[in-house]
Amino acid sequence: MQNAMPCDFGLIGLAVMGENLALNVQSRGFSVAVYNRTTSKVDEFIAGRGSGKRFVGCHSIEELVAALAPPRKVMLMVKAGPAVDEFIEKLIPLLSPGDVILDGGNTHFADTERRTGYVESKGLLYIGTGVSGGEEGALKGPSIMPGGSPHAWPLVKPILQAIAAKVGPNRDVPCCDWVGPRGAGHYVKMVHNGIEYGDMQLICEAYWMLKSTLCLTNDDLYDVFQHWYEGELNSYLIEITRDILSVKDPETGQHLVDLILDTAGAKGTGKWMSQLALDLGMPSTLVTEAVYARSLSAMKDARVRASTVLPGPASRFHGDRDDFIEQVRQALYASKIVSYAQGFVQLRAAAAEHHWPLAFGPIALLWRGGCIIRAVFLERIKEAFDADPNLENLLLAPYFTEAVAKAQSAWRNVVATAVHLGIPVPAFATALAYYDGYRSARLPANLLQAQRDYFGAHTYQRVDKEGIFHTEWLQLRRTPE
């Protein structure tokens, strides 16, 4: 319906996420002006899901801006990339100093860094915010990670915190708070997605280990994941995995998960995290292996051909069923700890690189509800950073040190069993390799540095004296007899 009073909020882009977010904003008591490039979509929305609610349908950006109360707040829910720049250019001449443009897409943080400076140079304010939780989260309460112009936060805070997921004993703590300047919000969302990649791959490896080694049925696996959900692995992804294992195809009566082609898709945020980790020199190995696992899964035809040529071990699992299920659970939990540890180490490095004053405990709280990686586990992360805001690595926090130590024997046995039986567990294995590397006071990089100096005069440091050194290795080498 048309609203005689100016609207509180404007939203551009009425795909499913945009529609649901608009409905969420309106349901919290705010009036919303909406616009879509294909204007028939606006009319369909106003006549359908928006009927009888506090919406104003607009057929142009000019109409949308005119429908807003100052300071105007316009959120873009359009495809990340050039479309965002295009709408920014269209909005700038129509807005007034102090108005706010928000980008709620899966935008690369570097674009948000650039756009924040550009929009501020025009006298306006800019918010680049991560929004996690999918279509349901957008409608009922997502996790929201805003960054951008600090002066914009007080203007959008009441709306963003109203629509965010709520947690806490009284369900009154919003999963939304200020993350940091410029691209910080979108960077944190990217790390969230990277951790999500790792979590999903770890769960898939646990599922496949139990299915392959113990020949568990989907009904058996449902019971396993239900049991795990009731303990320290309680999380959204464990919950939906349990549910997926119970669903049968209406046409065939078979479990639907068994009928799905084993090729995984990706939208790119996991790859971004991996690439940026390499730029920072940070070993975020788990997300990288998760990305590679999806890439390998996509090589379906090649894998089918290779399966008829390449041999593997013929041995079978021998052991206690329930004991091994518990070992896989412990391996999953320990690997999950490593995944989050790597994510927060990368966030710390990025904060230093880009001069973002990130608060890591509060960031963990943003992920407690609404988002894909929501889990009770995040409370432990918050407690770790509360105890030591300068914590170098989550593995060094007493709770996590003890948890990994407790799981270590089972974790190693699961990885060893997978290797022995020829079952690929790249995420479990790289998590364990990271743990073993991180706990080692000395690594074989001394030989690597000697090799680099030998063939490229790259120099090296010594353990017994200060300085930078180079050796003419050919002159001092032992000649083979």
Protein backbone atom coordinates (compact mmCIF):
# COMPACT_ATOMS: atom_id res chain seq x y z
CA MET A 1 0.00 0.00 0.00
CA GLN A 2 1.09 3.58 -0.47
CA ASN A 3 2.20 5.31 2.71
CA ALA A 4 1.43 9.01 3.21
CA MET A 5 4.32 9.39 5.65
CA PRO A 6 7.99 9.22 4.56
CA CYS A 7 9.48 5.75 4.87
CA ASP A 8 12.15 4.74 7.36
CA PHE A 9 14.15 2.56 5.01
CA GLY A 10 14.72 1.97 1.32
CA LEU A 11 15.65 -1.31 -0.35
CA ILE A 12 16.76 -1.93 -3.92
CA GLY A 13 16.66 -5.47 -5.29
CA LEU A 14 13.67 -7.76 -4.83
CA ALA A 15 15.14 -11.18 -5.41
CA VAL A 16 14.29 -13.65 -2.65
CA MET A 17 16.91 -12.31 -0.20
CA GLY A 18 15.83 -8.72 -0.82
CA GLU A 19 12.14 -9.51 -0.48
CA ASN A 20 12.67 -11.40 2.75
CA LEU A 21 14.86 -8.69 4.22
CA ALA A 22 12.28 -6.04 3.32
CA LEU A 23 9.54 -8.10 4.98
CA ASN A 24 11.75 -8.50 8.05
CA VAL A 25 12.37 -4.74 8.32
CA GLN A 26 8.66 -3.99 7.92
CA SER A 27 7.70 -6.61 10.52
CA ARG A 28 9.81 -4.75 13.12
CA GLY A 29 7.68 -1.63 12.82
CA PHE A 30 9.51 0.26 10.07
CA SER A 31 8.02 1.47 6.80
CA VAL A 32 9.95 0.46 3.68
CA ALA A 33 10.20 1.86 0.15
CA VAL A 34 11.18 -0.82 -2.39
CA TYR A 35 12.50 -0.70 -5.93
CA ASN A 36 13.61 -3.29 -8.46
CA ARG A 37 15.15 -2.74 -11.87
CA THR A 38 12.37 -4.86 -13.37
CA THR A 39 9.49 -2.78 -12.08
CA SER A 40 6.89 -5.51 -12.61
CA LYS A 41 8.61 -7.29 -9.72
CA VAL A 42 7.76 -4.30 -7.50
CA ASP A 43 4.08 -4.50 -8.44
CA GLU A 44 4.02 -8.27 -7.85
CA PHE A 45 5.58 -7.83 -4.43
CA ILE A 46 3.24 -5.05 -3.35
CA ALA A 47 0.21 -7.03 -4.54
CA GLY A 48 1.47 -10.28 -3.05
CA ARG A 49 3.75 -10.72 -0.05
CA GLY A 50 3.72 -7.00 0.71
CA SER A 51 -0.03 -6.55 0.47
CA GLY A 52 -1.56 -4.58 3.35
CA LYS A 53 1.81 -3.83 4.89
CA ARG A 54 3.82 -0.63 5.32
CA PHE A 55 5.51 -0.68 1.92
CA VAL A 56 5.79 1.91 -0.81
CA GLY A 57 6.39 0.44 -4.26
CA CYS A 58 8.62 2.62 -6.44
CA HIS A 59 9.16 2.45 -10.19
CA SER A 60 12.32 4.55 -10.23
CA ILE A 61 15.24 5.34 -7.95
CA GLU A 62 14.06 8.93 -7.88
CA GLU A 63 10.70 7.80 -6.48
CA LEU A 64 12.42 5.66 -3.87
CA VAL A 65 14.66 8.48 -2.63
CA ALA A 66 11.72 10.89 -2.54
CA ALA A 67 9.76 8.42 -0.41
CA LEU A 68 12.39 8.33 2.37
CA ALA A 69 12.66 10.38 5.53
CA PRO A 70 16.05 12.04 6.11
CA PRO A 71 18.66 10.96 6.85
CA ARG A 72 17.86 8.51 4.08
CA LYS A 73 18.96 4.91 4.37
CA VAL A 74 19.06 2.89 1.13
CA MET A 75 20.11 -0.74 1.13
CA LEU A 76 21.33 -2.49 -2.02
CA MET A 77 20.46 -6.18 -2.26
CA VAL A 78 21.80 -6.70 -5.77
CA LYS A 79 24.43 -8.97 -7.28
CA ALA A 80 27.91 -8.13 -6.03
CA GLY A 81 30.16 -6.42 -8.54
CA PRO A 82 29.47 -3.76 -11.17
CA ALA A 83 25.75 -3.56 -10.35
CA VAL A 84 26.60 -2.13 -6.91
CA ASP A 85 28.80 0.59 -8.45
CA GLU A 86 26.08 1.36 -10.98
CA PHE A 87 23.45 1.92 -8.30
CA ILE A 88 25.84 3.97 -6.18
CA GLU A 89 26.41 6.31 -9.13
CA LYS A 90 22.67 6.66 -9.64
CA LEU A 91 22.01 7.32 -5.96
CA ILE A 92 24.75 9.87 -5.23
CA PRO A 93 23.16 12.82 -7.12
CA LEU A 94 19.79 12.14 -5.49
CA LEU A 95 20.94 11.90 -1.87
CA SER A 96 21.90 14.59 0.63
CA PRO A 97 24.92 14.91 2.95
CA GLY A 98 24.61 12.46 5.81
CA ASP A 99 22.42 9.97 3.93
CA VAL A 100 23.52 6.31 4.03
CA ILE A 101 23.99 3.72 1.29
CA LEU A 102 24.19 0.12 2.49
CA ASP A 103 25.45 -2.89 0.53
CA GLY A 104 24.16 -6.19 1.92
CA GLY A 105 25.58 -8.47 -0.78
CA ASN A 106 28.48 -10.94 -0.70
CA THR A 107 30.93 -8.24 -1.76
CA HIS A 108 34.70 -8.56 -1.82
CA PHE A 109 36.05 -6.48 1.05
CA ALA A 110 38.44 -4.54 -1.23
CA ASP A 111 35.45 -3.19 -3.18
CA THR A 112 33.90 -2.03 0.09
CA GLU A 113 37.17 -0.36 1.10
CA ARG A 114 37.15 1.54 -2.19
CA ARG A 115 33.44 2.39 -2.14
CA THR A 116 33.49 3.68 1.42
CA GLY A 117 36.14 6.26 0.55
CA TYR A 118 34.40 7.21 -2.67
CA VAL A 119 30.94 7.64 -1.15
CA GLU A 120 32.34 9.60 1.79
CA SER A 121 34.11 11.92 -0.67
CA LYS A 122 30.64 12.83 -1.95
CA GLY A 123 29.47 13.82 1.52
CA LEU A 124 27.50 10.60 2.06
CA LEU A 125 27.95 7.64 4.38
CA TYR A 126 28.46 4.01 3.42
CA ILE A 127 27.86 0.63 5.08
CA GLY A 128 29.15 -2.64 3.69
CA THR A 129 27.57 -5.41 5.71
CA GLY A 130 27.73 -9.16 5.71
CA VAL A 131 24.31 -10.81 6.01
CA SER A 132 24.31 -14.51 6.83
CA GLY A 133 21.50 -16.98 7.27
CA GLY A 134 20.17 -17.51 3.77
CA GLU A 135 16.60 -16.85 2.77
CA GLU A 136 15.12 -17.95 6.09
CA GLY A 137 17.58 -15.84 8.06
CA ALA A 138 16.81 -12.77 5.97
CA LEU A 139 13.13 -13.16 6.79
CA LYS A 140 13.28 -14.20 10.43
CA GLY A 141 16.59 -12.82 11.68
CA PRO A 142 20.07 -13.08 10.13
CA SER A 143 23.50 -12.53 11.55
CA ILE A 144 24.58 -9.07 10.41
CA MET A 145 28.20 -7.86 10.27
CA PRO A 146 28.28 -4.12 9.40
CA GLY A 147 31.37 -2.11 8.54
CA GLY A 148 32.02 1.09 6.62
CA SER A 149 31.59 4.71 7.72
CA PRO A 150 31.62 4.84 11.55
CA HIS A 151 29.24 7.82 11.56
CA ALA A 152 26.68 5.73 9.67
CA TRP A 153 26.39 3.10 12.39
CA PRO A 154 24.21 5.11 14.84
CA LEU A 155 21.83 5.87 11.98
CA VAL A 156 21.28 2.27 10.89
CA LYS A 157 21.85 0.52 14.23
CA PRO A 158 18.19 0.59 15.39
CA ILE A 159 16.99 -1.05 12.18
CA LEU A 160 19.80 -3.58 11.71
CA GLN A 161 19.73 -4.72 15.32
CA ALA A 162 15.93 -4.96 15.22
CA ILE A 163 15.96 -7.33 12.25
CA ALA A 164 18.93 -9.45 13.40
CA ALA A 165 18.66 -12.83 15.06
CA LYS A 166 18.37 -12.68 18.85
CA VAL A 167 20.17 -14.91 21.34
CA GLY A 168 20.76 -15.07 25.07
CA PRO A 169 18.59 -16.33 27.93
CA ASN A 170 15.88 -13.82 27.12
CA ARG A 171 16.38 -13.88 23.34
CA ASP A 172 17.14 -10.16 23.42
CA VAL A 173 20.80 -9.95 22.36
CA PRO A 174 21.02 -9.07 18.65
CA CYS A 175 23.51 -10.90 16.42
CA CYS A 176 24.51 -7.57 14.95
CA ASP A 177 27.06 -5.02 16.09
CA TRP A 178 29.60 -2.69 14.58
CA VAL A 179 32.60 -4.61 13.22
CA GLY A 180 34.95 -1.89 12.01
CA PRO A 181 35.69 0.74 9.36
CA ARG A 182 35.60 0.40 5.59
CA GLY A 183 35.71 -3.23 4.42
CA ALA A 184 35.92 -4.85 7.86
CA GLY A 185 32.32 -6.08 7.86
CA HIS A 186 32.59 -7.81 4.52
CA TYR A 187 35.96 -9.31 5.48
CA VAL A 188 34.47 -10.81 8.64
CA LYS A 189 31.57 -12.19 6.57
CA MET A 190 34.09 -13.73 4.16
CA VAL A 191 35.90 -15.44 7.05
CA HIS A 192 32.52 -16.64 8.34
CA ASN A 193 31.89 -18.20 4.93
CA GLY A 194 35.37 -19.73 4.85
CA ILE A 195 34.80 -21.34 8.25
CA GLU A 196 31.46 -22.53 6.89
CA TYR A 197 33.29 -24.24 4.01
CA GLY A 198 35.55 -25.99 6.51
CA ASP A 199 32.69 -27.04 8.80
CA MET A 200 30.72 -28.50 5.92
CA GLN A 201 33.70 -30.43 4.54
CA LEU A 202 34.54 -31.82 7.98
CA ILE A 203 30.96 -32.99 8.50
CA CYS A 204 30.94 -34.59 5.05
CA GLU A 205 34.18 -36.43 5.84
CA ALA A 206 32.76 -37.67 9.15
CA TYR A 207 29.62 -38.87 7.35
CA TRP A 208 31.65 -40.61 4.65
CA MET A 209 34.01 -42.27 7.12
CA LEU A 210 31.10 -43.77 9.05
CA LYS A 211 29.26 -44.79 5.92
CA SER A 212 32.34 -46.30 4.27
CA THR A 213 34.03 -47.99 7.22
CA LEU A 214 31.05 -49.12 9.28
CA CYS A 215 28.46 -49.40 6.49
CA LEU A 216 26.00 -47.39 8.57
CA THR A 217 22.59 -46.84 7.00
CA ASN A 218 21.12 -43.37 6.71
CA ASP A 219 18.81 -44.23 9.60
CA ASP A 220 21.85 -45.19 11.67
CA LEU A 221 23.59 -41.98 10.67
CA TYR A 222 20.50 -39.98 11.62
CA ASP A 223 20.79 -41.37 15.14
CA VAL A 224 24.52 -40.60 15.24
CA PHE A 225 24.04 -36.97 14.21
CA GLN A 226 21.13 -36.57 16.60
CA HIS A 227 23.39 -37.77 19.42
CA TRP A 228 26.15 -35.38 18.32
CA TYR A 229 23.65 -32.52 18.16
CA GLU A 230 22.83 -33.08 21.82
CA GLY A 231 26.46 -32.53 22.87
CA GLU A 232 29.36 -30.17 22.27
CA LEU A 233 28.92 -30.39 18.48
CA ASN A 234 25.48 -28.76 18.76
CA SER A 235 25.20 -26.52 15.71
CA TYR A 236 22.96 -25.60 12.80
CA LEU A 237 25.03 -27.63 10.32
CA ILE A 238 24.89 -30.78 12.46
CA GLU A 239 21.13 -30.25 12.84
CA ILE A 240 20.46 -29.94 9.11
CA THR A 241 22.75 -32.89 8.34
CA ARG A 242 20.64 -35.00 10.69
CA ASP A 243 17.48 -33.80 8.95
CA ILE A 244 18.86 -34.43 5.45
CA LEU A 245 19.62 -38.05 6.34
CA SER A 246 15.93 -38.65 7.15
CA VAL A 247 14.40 -37.31 3.92
CA LYS A 248 13.15 -39.76 1.30
CA ASP A 249 12.49 -39.02 -2.35
CA PRO A 250 8.70 -38.98 -2.97
CA GLU A 251 9.17 -40.55 -6.42
CA THR A 252 11.44 -43.48 -5.60
CA GLY A 253 11.12 -43.92 -1.84
CA GLN A 254 14.91 -43.93 -1.55
CA HIS A 255 16.84 -41.60 0.70
CA LEU A 256 17.20 -38.40 -1.29
CA VAL A 257 20.80 -37.74 -0.25
CA ASP A 258 21.87 -40.96 -2.03
CA LEU A 259 20.32 -39.76 -5.28
CA ILE A 260 22.20 -36.43 -5.36
CA LEU A 261 25.18 -36.22 -7.73
CA ASP A 262 28.43 -35.91 -5.79
CA THR A 263 29.60 -32.64 -7.34
CA ALA A 264 29.64 -29.55 -5.12
CA GLY A 265 29.16 -25.95 -6.15
CA ALA A 266 30.66 -22.78 -4.70
CA LYS A 267 30.06 -19.03 -4.89
CA GLY A 268 33.63 -17.89 -4.30
CA THR A 269 33.89 -16.54 -0.76
CA GLY A 270 35.84 -19.58 0.43
CA LYS A 271 38.28 -19.06 -2.42
CA TRP A 272 38.62 -15.38 -1.47
CA MET A 273 39.55 -16.30 2.09
CA SER A 274 42.15 -18.78 0.87
CA GLN A 275 43.64 -16.29 -1.60
CA LEU A 276 43.80 -13.54 1.00
CA ALA A 277 45.35 -15.92 3.52
CA LEU A 278 48.16 -16.54 1.02
CA ASP A 279 48.56 -12.77 0.56
CA LEU A 280 48.92 -12.37 4.33
CA GLY A 281 51.19 -15.40 4.69
CA MET A 282 48.64 -17.05 6.99
CA PRO A 283 48.21 -20.85 6.87
CA SER A 284 44.41 -21.07 6.61
CA THR A 285 44.80 -24.60 5.34
CA LEU A 286 41.41 -25.99 6.25
CA VAL A 287 39.32 -23.63 4.12
CA THR A 288 41.81 -24.13 1.29
CA GLU A 289 41.44 -27.92 1.44
CA ALA A 290 37.66 -27.49 1.60
CA VAL A 291 37.74 -25.41 -1.59
CA TYR A 292 39.99 -27.97 -3.28
CA ALA A 293 37.65 -30.79 -2.19
CA ARG A 294 34.78 -29.06 -3.97
CA SER A 295 36.96 -28.59 -7.04
CA LEU A 296 37.89 -32.28 -7.04
CA SER A 297 34.26 -33.28 -6.60
CA ALA A 298 33.39 -31.27 -9.72
CA MET A 299 35.77 -33.48 -11.75
CA LYS A 300 33.11 -36.20 -11.74
CA ASP A 301 33.73 -37.65 -15.21
CA ALA A 302 37.49 -37.75 -14.67
CA ARG A 303 37.04 -39.41 -11.27
CA VAL A 304 34.78 -42.07 -12.75
CA ARG A 305 37.37 -42.84 -15.42
CA ALA A 306 40.20 -42.89 -12.87
CA SER A 307 38.24 -45.22 -10.59
CA THR A 308 38.59 -47.98 -13.17
CA VAL A 309 42.37 -47.53 -13.49
CA LEU A 310 43.91 -46.40 -10.21
CA PRO A 311 44.21 -49.06 -7.50
CA GLY A 312 43.71 -48.54 -3.78
CA PRO A 313 43.92 -50.62 -0.60
CA ALA A 314 41.68 -53.66 -0.32
CA SER A 315 41.79 -53.83 3.47
CA ARG A 316 38.64 -53.58 5.58
CA PHE A 317 37.92 -51.93 8.90
CA HIS A 318 38.19 -54.12 11.97
CA GLY A 319 37.20 -52.63 15.27
CA ASP A 320 34.43 -51.73 17.65
CA ARG A 321 31.58 -49.85 15.93
CA ASP A 322 30.52 -47.57 18.78
CA ASP A 323 34.11 -46.82 19.75
CA PHE A 324 34.96 -45.69 16.23
CA ILE A 325 31.84 -43.50 16.02
CA GLU A 326 33.03 -41.74 19.17
CA GLN A 327 36.53 -41.37 17.71
CA VAL A 328 35.10 -39.72 14.59
CA ARG A 329 33.09 -37.35 16.80
CA GLN A 330 36.22 -36.35 18.68
CA ALA A 331 38.18 -35.92 15.45
CA LEU A 332 35.41 -33.72 14.08
CA TYR A 333 35.41 -31.53 17.20
CA ALA A 334 39.20 -31.16 17.28
CA SER A 335 39.31 -30.32 13.56
CA LYS A 336 36.52 -27.79 14.05
CA ILE A 337 38.58 -26.08 16.73
CA VAL A 338 41.50 -25.82 14.30
CA SER A 339 39.20 -24.38 11.61
CA TYR A 340 38.03 -21.56 13.87
CA ALA A 341 41.54 -21.02 15.22
CA GLN A 342 42.81 -20.48 11.68
CA GLY A 343 39.93 -18.13 10.89
CA PHE A 344 40.61 -15.89 13.88
CA VAL A 345 44.36 -15.91 13.22
CA GLN A 346 43.62 -14.64 9.72
CA LEU A 347 41.25 -12.00 11.10
CA ARG A 348 43.98 -10.79 13.45
CA ALA A 349 46.48 -10.54 10.59
CA ALA A 350 43.97 -8.72 8.38
CA ALA A 351 43.12 -6.29 11.19
CA ALA A 352 46.79 -5.38 11.48
CA GLU A 353 47.22 -5.13 7.71
CA HIS A 354 44.19 -2.89 7.16
CA HIS A 355 44.17 -1.02 10.49
CA TRP A 356 40.81 -2.36 11.65
CA PRO A 357 40.21 -2.39 15.43
CA LEU A 358 38.46 -5.77 15.38
CA ALA A 359 37.06 -7.17 18.63
CA PHE A 360 37.27 -10.93 18.26
CA GLY A 361 35.06 -11.98 21.17
CA PRO A 362 32.13 -9.85 20.01
CA ILE A 363 32.64 -11.14 16.45
CA ALA A 364 32.15 -14.70 17.73
CA LEU A 365 28.90 -13.55 19.35
CA LEU A 366 27.63 -12.23 16.02
CA TRP A 367 27.67 -15.83 14.78
CA ARG A 368 25.70 -17.37 17.65
CA GLY A 369 22.36 -17.02 15.86
CA GLY A 370 20.89 -16.50 12.42
CA CYS A 371 23.95 -17.60 10.46
CA ILE A 372 25.04 -20.92 8.95
CA ILE A 373 27.87 -21.60 11.43
CA ARG A 374 25.81 -20.83 14.54
CA ALA A 375 26.78 -23.16 17.35
CA VAL A 376 27.03 -23.33 21.14
CA PHE A 377 30.77 -23.73 20.52
CA LEU A 378 30.98 -19.98 19.82
CA GLU A 379 30.32 -19.20 23.48
CA ARG A 380 33.66 -20.85 24.27
CA ILE A 381 35.41 -18.64 21.73
CA LYS A 382 33.90 -15.53 23.32
CA GLU A 383 35.05 -16.73 26.76
CA ALA A 384 38.58 -17.30 25.42
CA PHE A 385 38.88 -13.75 24.07
CA ASP A 386 37.25 -12.29 27.18
CA ALA A 387 39.97 -13.95 29.25
CA ASP A 388 42.73 -12.77 26.88
CA PRO A 389 41.81 -10.14 24.23
CA ASN A 390 45.32 -10.55 22.76
CA LEU A 391 45.06 -14.33 22.47
CA GLU A 392 47.43 -15.35 19.70
CA ASN A 393 45.64 -18.55 18.73
CA LEU A 394 42.50 -20.24 20.04
CA LEU A 395 44.49 -23.45 20.45
CA LEU A 396 46.36 -21.73 23.29
CA ALA A 397 43.21 -20.97 25.30
CA PRO A 398 42.97 -23.47 28.19
CA TYR A 399 39.57 -24.86 27.18
CA PHE A 400 40.65 -25.56 23.61
CA THR A 401 44.10 -26.82 24.60
CA GLU A 402 42.45 -29.36 26.86
CA ALA A 403 39.74 -30.28 24.34
CA VAL A 404 42.26 -31.02 21.59
CA ALA A 405 44.53 -32.93 23.97
CA LYS A 406 41.57 -35.07 24.99
CA ALA A 407 40.62 -35.76 21.37
CA GLN A 408 44.14 -36.19 20.03
CA SER A 409 44.43 -39.98 20.20
CA ALA A 410 41.05 -40.51 18.52
CA TRP A 411 41.79 -37.81 15.94
CA ARG A 412 45.06 -39.46 14.93
CA ASN A 413 43.45 -42.88 14.73
CA VAL A 414 40.66 -41.61 12.47
CA VAL A 415 43.14 -40.00 10.06
CA ALA A 416 45.37 -43.09 10.13
CA THR A 417 42.38 -45.36 9.51
CA ALA A 418 41.29 -43.23 6.58
CA VAL A 419 44.77 -43.40 5.05
CA HIS A 420 44.94 -47.16 5.65
CA LEU A 421 41.56 -47.72 3.96
CA GLY A 422 42.08 -45.20 1.16
CA ILE A 423 39.26 -42.86 2.21
CA PRO A 424 40.01 -39.19 1.43
CA VAL A 425 39.81 -36.94 4.51
CA PRO A 426 41.68 -33.80 3.39
CA ALA A 427 40.09 -31.53 6.01
CA PHE A 428 40.69 -33.87 8.96
CA ALA A 429 44.26 -34.46 7.78
CA THR A 430 45.18 -30.83 7.17
CA ALA A 431 43.71 -29.81 10.53
CA LEU A 432 45.91 -32.40 12.24
CA ALA A 433 48.95 -31.37 10.19
CA TYR A 434 48.40 -27.72 11.18
CA TYR A 435 48.12 -28.70 14.83
CA ASP A 436 51.32 -30.73 14.68
CA GLY A 437 53.13 -27.98 12.82
CA TYR A 438 51.94 -25.25 15.19
CA ARG A 439 52.99 -27.20 18.29
CA SER A 440 56.49 -27.89 16.87
CA ALA A 441 59.25 -25.63 18.18
CA ARG A 442 61.38 -26.67 15.23
CA LEU A 443 60.38 -27.49 11.64
CA PRO A 444 62.43 -28.58 8.58
CA ALA A 445 62.31 -25.05 7.13
CA ASN A 446 66.01 -24.74 7.97
CA LEU A 447 66.74 -27.17 5.11
CA LEU A 448 64.29 -25.34 2.87
CA GLN A 449 66.05 -22.04 3.54
CA ALA A 450 69.41 -23.68 2.79
CA GLN A 451 68.02 -24.93 -0.52
CA ARG A 452 66.79 -21.43 -1.40
CA ASP A 453 70.17 -19.95 -0.57
CA TYR A 454 71.98 -22.66 -2.57
CA PHE A 455 70.11 -22.10 -5.85
CA GLY A 456 69.06 -18.47 -5.50
CA ALA A 457 71.25 -16.72 -2.92
CA HIS A 458 68.13 -15.90 -0.91
CA THR A 459 70.16 -15.76 2.34
CA TYR A 460 69.25 -17.16 5.75
CA GLN A 461 69.41 -16.43 9.48
CA ARG A 462 71.24 -18.52 12.07
CA VAL A 463 70.22 -19.84 15.47
CA ASP A 464 73.61 -19.08 17.04
CA LYS A 465 74.28 -15.48 15.95
CA GLU A 466 72.52 -12.37 14.69
CA GLY A 467 72.57 -11.23 11.08
CA ILE A 468 71.74 -12.28 7.54
CA PHE A 469 74.01 -14.84 5.88
CA HIS A 470 74.78 -16.34 2.50
CA THR A 471 76.96 -19.35 1.78
CA GLU A 472 78.73 -20.40 -1.40
CA TRP A 473 77.47 -23.96 -1.03
CA LEU A 474 79.25 -25.30 -4.11
CA GLN A 475 82.63 -24.35 -2.68
CA LEU A 476 81.99 -26.10 0.64
CA ARG A 477 80.06 -29.14 -0.50
CA ARG A 478 81.27 -32.69 -0.15
CA THR A 479 82.07 -34.18 -3.52
CA PRO A 480 80.45 -37.58 -4.09
CA GLU A 481 83.05 -40.35 -4.17
